[in-house]
């Protein structure tokens, strides 16, 4: 039970840290949502790709875009910044573990 509470607390802490970074929110979350709204309204309702409706196809592709954008552009710099800030050392000595 204690491990579950500490895991939830760490998850909440990391979620707050993520949403403080404006660049992350803009590039990884807002931009794919914007593209999805634009692309799903441009094409006709009956458009399909290999039997999959266009809205579903573009949603899946933009989710992949966000995941790959995170991995390529921001994940490495976040890990490097956390290493410089001694974030993991803080987690080791904090009471939340």
PDB file of N, CA and C in Angstrom:
ATOM      1  N   UNK A   1       0.824  -1.196   0.000  1.00  0.00           N
ATOM      2  CA  UNK A   1       0.000   0.000   0.000  1.00  0.00           C
ATOM      3  C   UNK A   1       0.871   1.264   0.000  1.00  0.00           C
ATOM      4  N   UNK A   2       1.947   1.202   0.795  1.00  0.00           N
ATOM      5  CA  UNK A   2       2.827   2.361   0.877  1.00  0.00           C
ATOM      6  C   UNK A   2       3.516   2.620  -0.462  1.00  0.00           C
ATOM      7  N   UNK A   3       3.908   1.532  -1.158  1.00  0.00           N
ATOM      8  CA  UNK A   3       4.556   1.695  -2.459  1.00  0.00           C
ATOM      9  C   UNK A   3       3.589   2.286  -3.471  1.00  0.00           C
ATOM     10  N   UNK A   4       2.331   1.899  -3.397  1.00  0.00           N
ATOM     11  CA  UNK A   4       1.336   2.443  -4.327  1.00  0.00           C
ATOM     12  C   UNK A   4       1.149   3.933  -4.087  1.00  0.00           C
ATOM     13  N   UNK A   5       1.110   4.345  -2.823  1.00  0.00           N
ATOM     14  CA  UNK A   5       0.957   5.768  -2.515  1.00  0.00           C
ATOM     15  C   UNK A   5       2.168   6.566  -2.982  1.00  0.00           C
ATOM     16  N   UNK A   6       3.357   6.021  -2.760  1.00  0.00           N
ATOM     17  CA  UNK A   6       4.552   6.751  -3.192  1.00  0.00           C
ATOM     18  C   UNK A   6       4.634   6.800  -4.714  1.00  0.00           C
ATOM     19  N   UNK A   7       4.204   5.718  -5.393  1.00  0.00           N
ATOM     20  CA  UNK A   7       4.184   5.734  -6.854  1.00  0.00           C
ATOM     21  C   UNK A   7       3.209   6.781  -7.373  1.00  0.00           C
ATOM     22  N   UNK A   8       2.032   6.855  -6.774  1.00  0.00           N
ATOM     23  CA  UNK A   8       1.051   7.859  -7.201  1.00  0.00           C
ATOM     24  C   UNK A   8       1.555   9.269  -6.934  1.00  0.00           C
ATOM     25  N   UNK A   9       2.233   9.454  -5.812  1.00  0.00           N
ATOM     26  CA  UNK A   9       2.776  10.770  -5.507  1.00  0.00           C
ATOM     27  C   UNK A   9       3.853  11.162  -6.514  1.00  0.00           C
ATOM     28  N   UNK A  10       4.743  10.222  -6.858  1.00  0.00           N
ATOM     29  CA  UNK A  10       5.779  10.501  -7.851  1.00  0.00           C
ATOM     30  C   UNK A  10       5.172  10.788  -9.219  1.00  0.00           C
ATOM     31  N   UNK A  11       4.128  10.060  -9.565  1.00  0.00           N
ATOM     32  CA  UNK A  11       3.453  10.298 -10.836  1.00  0.00           C
ATOM     33  C   UNK A  11       2.845  11.691 -10.864  1.00  0.00           C
ATOM     34  N   UNK A  12       2.215  12.086  -9.776  1.00  0.00           N
ATOM     35  CA  UNK A  12       1.630  13.422  -9.689  1.00  0.00           C
ATOM     36  C   UNK A  12       2.721  14.491  -9.772  1.00  0.00           C
ATOM     37  N   UNK A  13       3.830  14.269  -9.116  1.00  0.00           N
ATOM     38  CA  UNK A  13       4.940  15.218  -9.144  1.00  0.00           C
ATOM     39  C   UNK A  13       5.501  15.369 -10.555  1.00  0.00           C
ATOM     40  N   UNK A  14       5.713  14.252 -11.243  1.00  0.00           N
ATOM     41  CA  UNK A  14       6.245  14.314 -12.605  1.00  0.00           C
ATOM     42  C   UNK A  14       5.250  14.929 -13.574  1.00  0.00           C
ATOM     43  N   UNK A  15       3.967  14.693 -13.371  1.00  0.00           N
ATOM     44  CA  UNK A  15       2.950  15.311 -14.227  1.00  0.00           C
ATOM     45  C   UNK A  15       2.972  16.822 -14.069  1.00  0.00           C
ATOM     46  N   UNK A  16       3.110  17.291 -12.858  1.00  0.00           N
ATOM     47  CA  UNK A  16       3.214  18.740 -12.638  1.00  0.00           C
ATOM     48  C   UNK A  16       4.452  19.315 -13.313  1.00  0.00           C
ATOM     49  N   UNK A  17       5.569  18.609 -13.212  1.00  0.00           N
ATOM     50  CA  UNK A  17       6.809  19.076 -13.846  1.00  0.00           C
ATOM     51  C   UNK A  17       6.664  19.136 -15.358  1.00  0.00           C
ATOM     52  N   UNK A  18       5.979  18.156 -15.932  1.00  0.00           N
ATOM     53  CA  UNK A  18       5.794  18.129 -17.387  1.00  0.00           C
ATOM     54  C   UNK A  18       4.965  19.317 -17.841  1.00  0.00           C
ATOM     55  N   UNK A  19       3.867  19.589 -17.163  1.00  0.00           N
ATOM     56  CA  UNK A  19       2.978  20.651 -17.614  1.00  0.00           C
ATOM     57  C   UNK A  19       3.497  22.051 -17.297  1.00  0.00           C
ATOM     58  N   UNK A  20       4.562  22.157 -16.529  1.00  0.00           N
ATOM     59  CA  UNK A  20       5.200  23.459 -16.333  1.00  0.00           C
ATOM     60  C   UNK A  20       6.030  23.866 -17.537  1.00  0.00           C
ATOM     61  N   UNK A  21       6.478  22.884 -18.304  1.00  0.00           N
ATOM     62  CA  UNK A  21       7.330  23.147 -19.464  1.00  0.00           C
ATOM     63  C   UNK A  21       6.452  23.512 -20.656  1.00  0.00           C
ATOM     64  N   UNK A  22       6.421  24.791 -20.993  1.00  0.00           N
ATOM     65  CA  UNK A  22       5.555  25.297 -22.059  1.00  0.00           C
ATOM     66  C   UNK A  22       5.907  24.687 -23.408  1.00  0.00           C
ATOM     67  N   UNK A  23       7.189  24.510 -23.671  1.00  0.00           N
ATOM     68  CA  UNK A  23       7.633  23.934 -24.949  1.00  0.00           C
ATOM     69  C   UNK A  23       7.097  22.512 -25.108  1.00  0.00           C
ATOM     70  N   UNK A  24       7.139  21.744 -24.047  1.00  0.00           N
ATOM     71  CA  UNK A  24       6.633  20.371 -24.093  1.00  0.00           C
ATOM     72  C   UNK A  24       5.139  20.357 -24.379  1.00  0.00           C
ATOM     73  N   UNK A  25       4.406  21.153 -23.645  1.00  0.00           N
ATOM     74  CA  UNK A  25       2.952  21.175 -23.818  1.00  0.00           C
ATOM     75  C   UNK A  25       2.586  21.637 -25.217  1.00  0.00           C
ATOM     76  N   UNK A  26       3.277  22.638 -25.714  1.00  0.00           N
ATOM     77  CA  UNK A  26       2.958  23.162 -27.039  1.00  0.00           C
ATOM     78  C   UNK A  26       3.304  22.168 -28.144  1.00  0.00           C
ATOM     79  N   UNK A  27       4.517  21.647 -28.148  1.00  0.00           N
ATOM     80  CA  UNK A  27       4.964  20.797 -29.250  1.00  0.00           C
ATOM     81  C   UNK A  27       4.425  19.374 -29.194  1.00  0.00           C
ATOM     82  N   UNK A  28       4.282  18.819 -28.027  1.00  0.00           N
ATOM     83  CA  UNK A  28       3.947  17.404 -27.921  1.00  0.00           C
ATOM     84  C   UNK A  28       2.454  17.175 -27.701  1.00  0.00           C
ATOM     85  N   UNK A  29       1.760  18.124 -27.104  1.00  0.00           N
ATOM     86  CA  UNK A  29       0.335  17.921 -26.831  1.00  0.00           C
ATOM     87  C   UNK A  29      -0.544  18.803 -27.708  1.00  0.00           C
ATOM     88  N   UNK A  30      -0.301  20.103 -27.718  1.00  0.00           N
ATOM     89  CA  UNK A  30      -1.202  21.027 -28.416  1.00  0.00           C
ATOM     90  C   UNK A  30      -1.077  20.954 -29.933  1.00  0.00           C
ATOM     91  N   UNK A  31       0.128  20.845 -30.453  1.00  0.00           N
ATOM     92  CA  UNK A  31       0.313  20.828 -31.904  1.00  0.00           C
ATOM     93  C   UNK A  31      -0.355  19.623 -32.572  1.00  0.00           C
ATOM     94  N   UNK A  32      -0.172  18.388 -32.074  1.00  0.00           N
ATOM     95  CA  UNK A  32      -0.907  17.277 -32.685  1.00  0.00           C
ATOM     96  C   UNK A  32      -2.426  17.412 -32.562  1.00  0.00           C
ATOM     97  N   UNK A  33      -2.908  17.968 -31.448  1.00  0.00           N
ATOM     98  CA  UNK A  33      -4.354  18.181 -31.316  1.00  0.00           C
ATOM     99  C   UNK A  33      -4.841  19.185 -32.350  1.00  0.00           C
ATOM    100  N   UNK A  34      -4.082  20.243 -32.555  1.00  0.00           N
ATOM    101  CA  UNK A  34      -4.433  21.250 -33.551  1.00  0.00           C
ATOM    102  C   UNK A  34      -4.458  20.641 -34.952  1.00  0.00           C
ATOM    103  N   UNK A  35      -3.416  19.868 -35.289  1.00  0.00           N
ATOM    104  CA  UNK A  35      -3.370  19.216 -36.598  1.00  0.00           C
ATOM    105  C   UNK A  35      -4.531  18.246 -36.775  1.00  0.00           C
ATOM    106  N   UNK A  36      -4.888  17.519 -35.723  1.00  0.00           N
ATOM    107  CA  UNK A  36      -6.001  16.573 -35.833  1.00  0.00           C
ATOM    108  C   UNK A  36      -7.299  17.302 -36.152  1.00  0.00           C
ATOM    109  N   UNK A  37      -7.551  18.393 -35.458  1.00  0.00           N
ATOM    110  CA  UNK A  37      -8.782  19.153 -35.714  1.00  0.00           C
ATOM    111  C   UNK A  37      -8.787  19.686 -37.143  1.00  0.00           C
ATOM    112  N   UNK A  38      -7.683  20.239 -37.585  1.00  0.00           N
ATOM    113  CA  UNK A  38      -7.597  20.773 -38.949  1.00  0.00           C
ATOM    114  C   UNK A  38      -7.775  19.661 -39.978  1.00  0.00           C
ATOM    115  N   UNK A  39      -6.999  18.588 -39.854  1.00  0.00           N
ATOM    116  CA  UNK A  39      -7.027  17.527 -40.865  1.00  0.00           C
ATOM    117  C   UNK A  39      -8.332  16.744 -40.860  1.00  0.00           C
ATOM    118  N   UNK A  40      -8.965  16.601 -39.719  1.00  0.00           N
ATOM    119  CA  UNK A  40     -10.227  15.859 -39.705  1.00  0.00           C
ATOM    120  C   UNK A  40     -11.364  16.684 -40.299  1.00  0.00           C
ATOM    121  N   UNK A  41     -11.227  18.001 -40.332  1.00  0.00           N
ATOM    122  CA  UNK A  41     -12.269  18.842 -40.926  1.00  0.00           C
ATOM    123  C   UNK A  41     -12.031  19.128 -42.404  1.00  0.00           C
ATOM    124  N   UNK A  42     -10.791  19.041 -42.866  1.00  0.00           N
ATOM    125  CA  UNK A  42     -10.483  19.327 -44.268  1.00  0.00           C
ATOM    126  C   UNK A  42     -11.025  18.231 -45.184  1.00  0.00           C
ATOM    127  N   UNK A  43     -10.822  16.983 -44.801  1.00  0.00           N
ATOM    128  CA  UNK A  43     -11.193  15.867 -45.666  1.00  0.00           C
ATOM    129  C   UNK A  43     -12.659  15.491 -45.480  1.00  0.00           C
ATOM    130  N   UNK A  44     -13.284  14.908 -46.498  1.00  0.00           N
ATOM    131  CA  UNK A  44     -14.695  14.525 -46.390  1.00  0.00           C
ATOM    132  C   UNK A  44     -14.911  13.449 -45.325  1.00  0.00           C
ATOM    133  N   UNK A  45     -16.143  13.346 -44.851  1.00  0.00           N
ATOM    134  CA  UNK A  45     -16.469  12.415 -43.773  1.00  0.00           C
ATOM    135  C   UNK A  45     -16.272  10.954 -44.177  1.00  0.00           C
ATOM    136  N   UNK A  46     -16.440  10.647 -45.464  1.00  0.00           N
ATOM    137  CA  UNK A  46     -16.331   9.246 -45.886  1.00  0.00           C
ATOM    138  C   UNK A  46     -14.928   8.884 -46.377  1.00  0.00           C
ATOM    139  N   UNK A  47     -13.940   9.731 -46.169  1.00  0.00           N
ATOM    140  CA  UNK A  47     -12.568   9.434 -46.588  1.00  0.00           C
ATOM    141  C   UNK A  47     -12.017   8.288 -45.743  1.00  0.00           C
ATOM    142  N   UNK A  48     -11.240   7.415 -46.397  1.00  0.00           N
ATOM    143  CA  UNK A  48     -10.683   6.255 -45.696  1.00  0.00           C
ATOM    144  C   UNK A  48      -9.302   5.933 -46.254  1.00  0.00           C
ATOM    145  N   UNK A  49      -8.493   5.296 -45.417  1.00  0.00           N
ATOM    146  CA  UNK A  49      -7.165   4.827 -45.812  1.00  0.00           C
ATOM    147  C   UNK A  49      -7.100   3.341 -45.475  1.00  0.00           C
ATOM    148  N   UNK A  50      -7.003   2.504 -46.497  1.00  0.00           N
ATOM    149  CA  UNK A  50      -6.953   1.041 -46.316  1.00  0.00           C
ATOM    150  C   UNK A  50      -8.098   0.521 -45.451  1.00  0.00           C
ATOM    151  N   UNK A  51      -9.273   1.055 -45.646  1.00  0.00           N
ATOM    152  CA  UNK A  51     -10.447   0.602 -44.911  1.00  0.00           C
ATOM    153  C   UNK A  51     -10.630   1.231 -43.539  1.00  0.00           C
ATOM    154  N   UNK A  52      -9.710   2.068 -43.118  1.00  0.00           N
ATOM    155  CA  UNK A  52      -9.814   2.753 -41.824  1.00  0.00           C
ATOM    156  C   UNK A  52     -10.270   4.178 -42.099  1.00  0.00           C
ATOM    157  N   UNK A  53     -11.241   4.649 -41.322  1.00  0.00           N
ATOM    158  CA  UNK A  53     -11.729   6.011 -41.554  1.00  0.00           C
ATOM    159  C   UNK A  53     -10.596   7.014 -41.353  1.00  0.00           C
ATOM    160  N   UNK A  54     -10.689   8.124 -42.080  1.00  0.00           N
ATOM    161  CA  UNK A  54      -9.618   9.119 -42.046  1.00  0.00           C
ATOM    162  C   UNK A  54      -9.425   9.690 -40.653  1.00  0.00           C
ATOM    163  N   UNK A  55     -10.498   9.902 -39.908  1.00  0.00           N
ATOM    164  CA  UNK A  55     -10.360  10.476 -38.564  1.00  0.00           C
ATOM    165  C   UNK A  55      -9.564   9.547 -37.654  1.00  0.00           C
ATOM    166  N   UNK A  56      -9.858   8.252 -37.704  1.00  0.00           N
ATOM    167  CA  UNK A  56      -9.110   7.298 -36.879  1.00  0.00           C
ATOM    168  C   UNK A  56      -7.653   7.214 -37.328  1.00  0.00           C
ATOM    169  N   UNK A  57      -7.438   7.187 -38.630  1.00  0.00           N
ATOM    170  CA  UNK A  57      -6.087   7.080 -39.174  1.00  0.00           C
ATOM    171  C   UNK A  57      -5.241   8.296 -38.790  1.00  0.00           C
ATOM    172  N   UNK A  58      -5.806   9.482 -38.924  1.00  0.00           N
ATOM    173  CA  UNK A  58      -5.034  10.681 -38.581  1.00  0.00           C
ATOM    174  C   UNK A  58      -4.818  10.788 -37.074  1.00  0.00           C
ATOM    175  N   UNK A  59      -5.790  10.334 -36.276  1.00  0.00           N
ATOM    176  CA  UNK A  59      -5.618  10.351 -34.824  1.00  0.00           C
ATOM    177  C   UNK A  59      -4.454   9.459 -34.411  1.00  0.00           C
ATOM    178  N   UNK A  60      -4.406   8.258 -34.952  1.00  0.00           N
ATOM    179  CA  UNK A  60      -3.325   7.334 -34.614  1.00  0.00           C
ATOM    180  C   UNK A  60      -1.982   7.883 -35.088  1.00  0.00           C
ATOM    181  N   UNK A  61      -1.944   8.435 -36.300  1.00  0.00           N
ATOM    182  CA  UNK A  61      -0.672   8.951 -36.806  1.00  0.00           C
ATOM    183  C   UNK A  61      -0.198  10.163 -36.005  1.00  0.00           C
ATOM    184  N   UNK A  62      -1.113  10.999 -35.538  1.00  0.00           N
ATOM    185  CA  UNK A  62      -0.693  12.161 -34.752  1.00  0.00           C
ATOM    186  C   UNK A  62      -0.316  11.778 -33.319  1.00  0.00           C
ATOM    187  N   UNK A  63      -0.893  10.708 -32.797  1.00  0.00           N
ATOM    188  CA  UNK A  63      -0.435  10.189 -31.504  1.00  0.00           C
ATOM    189  C   UNK A  63       1.006   9.705 -31.641  1.00  0.00           C
ATOM    190  N   UNK A  64       1.280   8.993 -32.722  1.00  0.00           N
ATOM    191  CA  UNK A  64       2.659   8.543 -32.988  1.00  0.00           C
ATOM    192  C   UNK A  64       3.591   9.734 -33.175  1.00  0.00           C
ATOM    193  N   UNK A  65       3.108  10.783 -33.833  1.00  0.00           N
ATOM    194  CA  UNK A  65       3.899  12.002 -34.011  1.00  0.00           C
ATOM    195  C   UNK A  65       4.282  12.595 -32.656  1.00  0.00           C
ATOM    196  N   UNK A  66       3.329  12.667 -31.738  1.00  0.00           N
ATOM    197  CA  UNK A  66       3.610  13.209 -30.410  1.00  0.00           C
ATOM    198  C   UNK A  66       4.595  12.356 -29.635  1.00  0.00           C
ATOM    199  N   UNK A  67       4.440  11.039 -29.715  1.00  0.00           N
ATOM    200  CA  UNK A  67       5.348  10.142 -29.001  1.00  0.00           C
ATOM    201  C   UNK A  67       6.757  10.237 -29.569  1.00  0.00           C
ATOM    202  N   UNK A  68       6.864  10.207 -30.884  1.00  0.00           N
ATOM    203  CA  UNK A  68       8.185  10.287 -31.512  1.00  0.00           C
ATOM    204  C   UNK A  68       8.813  11.673 -31.305  1.00  0.00           C
ATOM    205  N   UNK A  69       7.992  12.716 -31.351  1.00  0.00           N
ATOM    206  CA  UNK A  69       8.507  14.058 -31.089  1.00  0.00           C
ATOM    207  C   UNK A  69       9.064  14.176 -29.687  1.00  0.00           C
ATOM    208  N   UNK A  70       8.388  13.565 -28.737  1.00  0.00           N
ATOM    209  CA  UNK A  70       8.871  13.562 -27.361  1.00  0.00           C
ATOM    210  C   UNK A  70      10.196  12.824 -27.270  1.00  0.00           C
ATOM    211  N   UNK A  71      10.265  11.656 -27.870  1.00  0.00           N
ATOM    212  CA  UNK A  71      11.476  10.843 -27.776  1.00  0.00           C
ATOM    213  C   UNK A  71      12.662  11.510 -28.469  1.00  0.00           C
ATOM    214  N   UNK A  72      12.427  12.117 -29.620  1.00  0.00           N
ATOM    215  CA  UNK A  72      13.534  12.678 -30.395  1.00  0.00           C
ATOM    216  C   UNK A  72      13.968  14.042 -29.870  1.00  0.00           C
ATOM    217  N   UNK A  73      13.024  14.913 -29.595  1.00  0.00           N
ATOM    218  CA  UNK A  73      13.361  16.305 -29.293  1.00  0.00           C
ATOM    219  C   UNK A  73      13.559  16.616 -27.820  1.00  0.00           C
ATOM    220  N   UNK A  74      12.725  16.078 -26.959  1.00  0.00           N
ATOM    221  CA  UNK A  74      12.714  16.585 -25.594  1.00  0.00           C
ATOM    222  C   UNK A  74      13.177  15.610 -24.525  1.00  0.00           C
ATOM    223  N   UNK A  75      13.080  14.325 -24.772  1.00  0.00           N
ATOM    224  CA  UNK A  75      13.401  13.367 -23.723  1.00  0.00           C
ATOM    225  C   UNK A  75      14.870  13.425 -23.320  1.00  0.00           C
ATOM    226  N   UNK A  76      15.754  13.495 -24.294  1.00  0.00           N
ATOM    227  CA  UNK A  76      17.187  13.548 -23.989  1.00  0.00           C
ATOM    228  C   UNK A  76      17.573  14.776 -23.194  1.00  0.00           C
ATOM    229  N   UNK A  77      17.021  15.917 -23.564  1.00  0.00           N
ATOM    230  CA  UNK A  77      17.351  17.142 -22.824  1.00  0.00           C
ATOM    231  C   UNK A  77      16.749  17.120 -21.430  1.00  0.00           C
ATOM    232  N   UNK A  78      15.560  16.538 -21.280  1.00  0.00           N
ATOM    233  CA  UNK A  78      14.969  16.437 -19.943  1.00  0.00           C
ATOM    234  C   UNK A  78      15.816  15.550 -19.037  1.00  0.00           C
ATOM    235  N   UNK A  79      16.279  14.427 -19.559  1.00  0.00           N
ATOM    236  CA  UNK A  79      17.121  13.529 -18.764  1.00  0.00           C
ATOM    237  C   UNK A  79      18.430  14.220 -18.392  1.00  0.00           C
ATOM    238  N   UNK A  80      19.032  14.939 -19.332  1.00  0.00           N
ATOM    239  CA  UNK A  80      20.282  15.653 -19.044  1.00  0.00           C
ATOM    240  C   UNK A  80      20.057  16.739 -17.994  1.00  0.00           C
ATOM    241  N   UNK A  81      18.959  17.472 -18.103  1.00  0.00           N
ATOM    242  CA  UNK A  81      18.662  18.514 -17.111  1.00  0.00           C
ATOM    243  C   UNK A  81      18.411  17.914 -15.737  1.00  0.00           C
ATOM    244  N   UNK A  82      17.696  16.792 -15.685  1.00  0.00           N
ATOM    245  CA  UNK A  82      17.453  16.145 -14.398  1.00  0.00           C
ATOM    246  C   UNK A  82      18.753  15.646 -13.785  1.00  0.00           C
ATOM    247  N   UNK A  83      19.659  15.179 -14.625  1.00  0.00           N
ATOM    248  CA  UNK A  83      20.955  14.720 -14.122  1.00  0.00           C
ATOM    249  C   UNK A  83      21.755  15.892 -13.564  1.00  0.00           C
ATOM    250  N   UNK A  84      21.739  17.029 -14.253  1.00  0.00           N
ATOM    251  CA  UNK A  84      22.452  18.216 -13.761  1.00  0.00           C
ATOM    252  C   UNK A  84      21.824  18.771 -12.494  1.00  0.00           C
ATOM    253  N   UNK A  85      20.517  18.659 -12.371  1.00  0.00           N
ATOM    254  CA  UNK A  85      19.823  19.180 -11.192  1.00  0.00           C
ATOM    255  C   UNK A  85      19.825  18.202 -10.021  1.00  0.00           C
ATOM    256  N   UNK A  86      20.434  17.036 -10.206  1.00  0.00           N
ATOM    257  CA  UNK A  86      20.468  15.996  -9.166  1.00  0.00           C
ATOM    258  C   UNK A  86      19.073  15.584  -8.709  1.00  0.00           C
ATOM    259  N   UNK A  87      18.158  15.476  -9.673  1.00  0.00           N
ATOM    260  CA  UNK A  87      16.779  15.104  -9.361  1.00  0.00           C
ATOM    261  C   UNK A  87      16.711  13.706  -8.769  1.00  0.00           C
ATOM    262  N   UNK A  88      17.483  12.761  -9.311  1.00  0.00           N
ATOM    263  CA  UNK A  88      17.439  11.392  -8.809  1.00  0.00           C
ATOM    264  C   UNK A  88      18.070  11.283  -7.429  1.00  0.00           C
ATOM    265  N   UNK A  89      19.069  12.093  -7.158  1.00  0.00           N
ATOM    266  CA  UNK A  89      19.650  12.108  -5.812  1.00  0.00           C
ATOM    267  C   UNK A  89      18.618  12.625  -4.814  1.00  0.00           C
ATOM    268  N   UNK A  90      17.842  13.610  -5.221  1.00  0.00           N
ATOM    269  CA  UNK A  90      16.772  14.120  -4.362  1.00  0.00           C
ATOM    270  C   UNK A  90      15.736  13.033  -4.096  1.00  0.00           C
ATOM    271  N   UNK A  91      15.377  12.277  -5.134  1.00  0.00           N
ATOM    272  CA  UNK A  91      14.386  11.219  -4.951  1.00  0.00           C
ATOM    273  C   UNK A  91      14.892  10.122  -4.025  1.00  0.00           C
ATOM    274  N   UNK A  92      16.190   9.843  -4.069  1.00  0.00           N
ATOM    275  CA  UNK A  92      16.749   8.796  -3.219  1.00  0.00           C
ATOM    276  C   UNK A  92      16.677   9.159  -1.739  1.00  0.00           C
ATOM    277  N   UNK A  93      16.865  10.421  -1.411  1.00  0.00           N
ATOM    278  CA  UNK A  93      16.894  10.812  -0.001  1.00  0.00           C
ATOM    279  C   UNK A  93      15.557  11.345   0.503  1.00  0.00           C
ATOM    280  N   UNK A  94      14.597  11.502  -0.385  1.00  0.00           N
ATOM    281  CA  UNK A  94      13.313  12.055   0.060  1.00  0.00           C
ATOM    282  C   UNK A  94      12.483  10.983   0.758  1.00  0.00           C
ATOM    283  N   UNK A  95      11.515  11.424   1.495  1.00  0.00           N
ATOM    284  CA  UNK A  95      10.665  10.518   2.258  1.00  0.00           C
ATOM    285  C   UNK A  95       9.629   9.806   1.398  1.00  0.00           C
ATOM    286  N   UNK A  96       9.497  10.212   0.157  1.00  0.00           N
ATOM    287  CA  UNK A  96       8.455   9.609  -0.661  1.00  0.00           C
ATOM    288  C   UNK A  96       8.829   8.219  -1.150  1.00  0.00           C
ATOM    289  N   UNK A  97      10.083   7.824  -1.014  1.00  0.00           N
ATOM    290  CA  UNK A  97      10.467   6.466  -1.428  1.00  0.00           C
ATOM    291  C   UNK A  97      10.086   5.531  -0.349  1.00  0.00           C
TER     292      UNK A  97
END
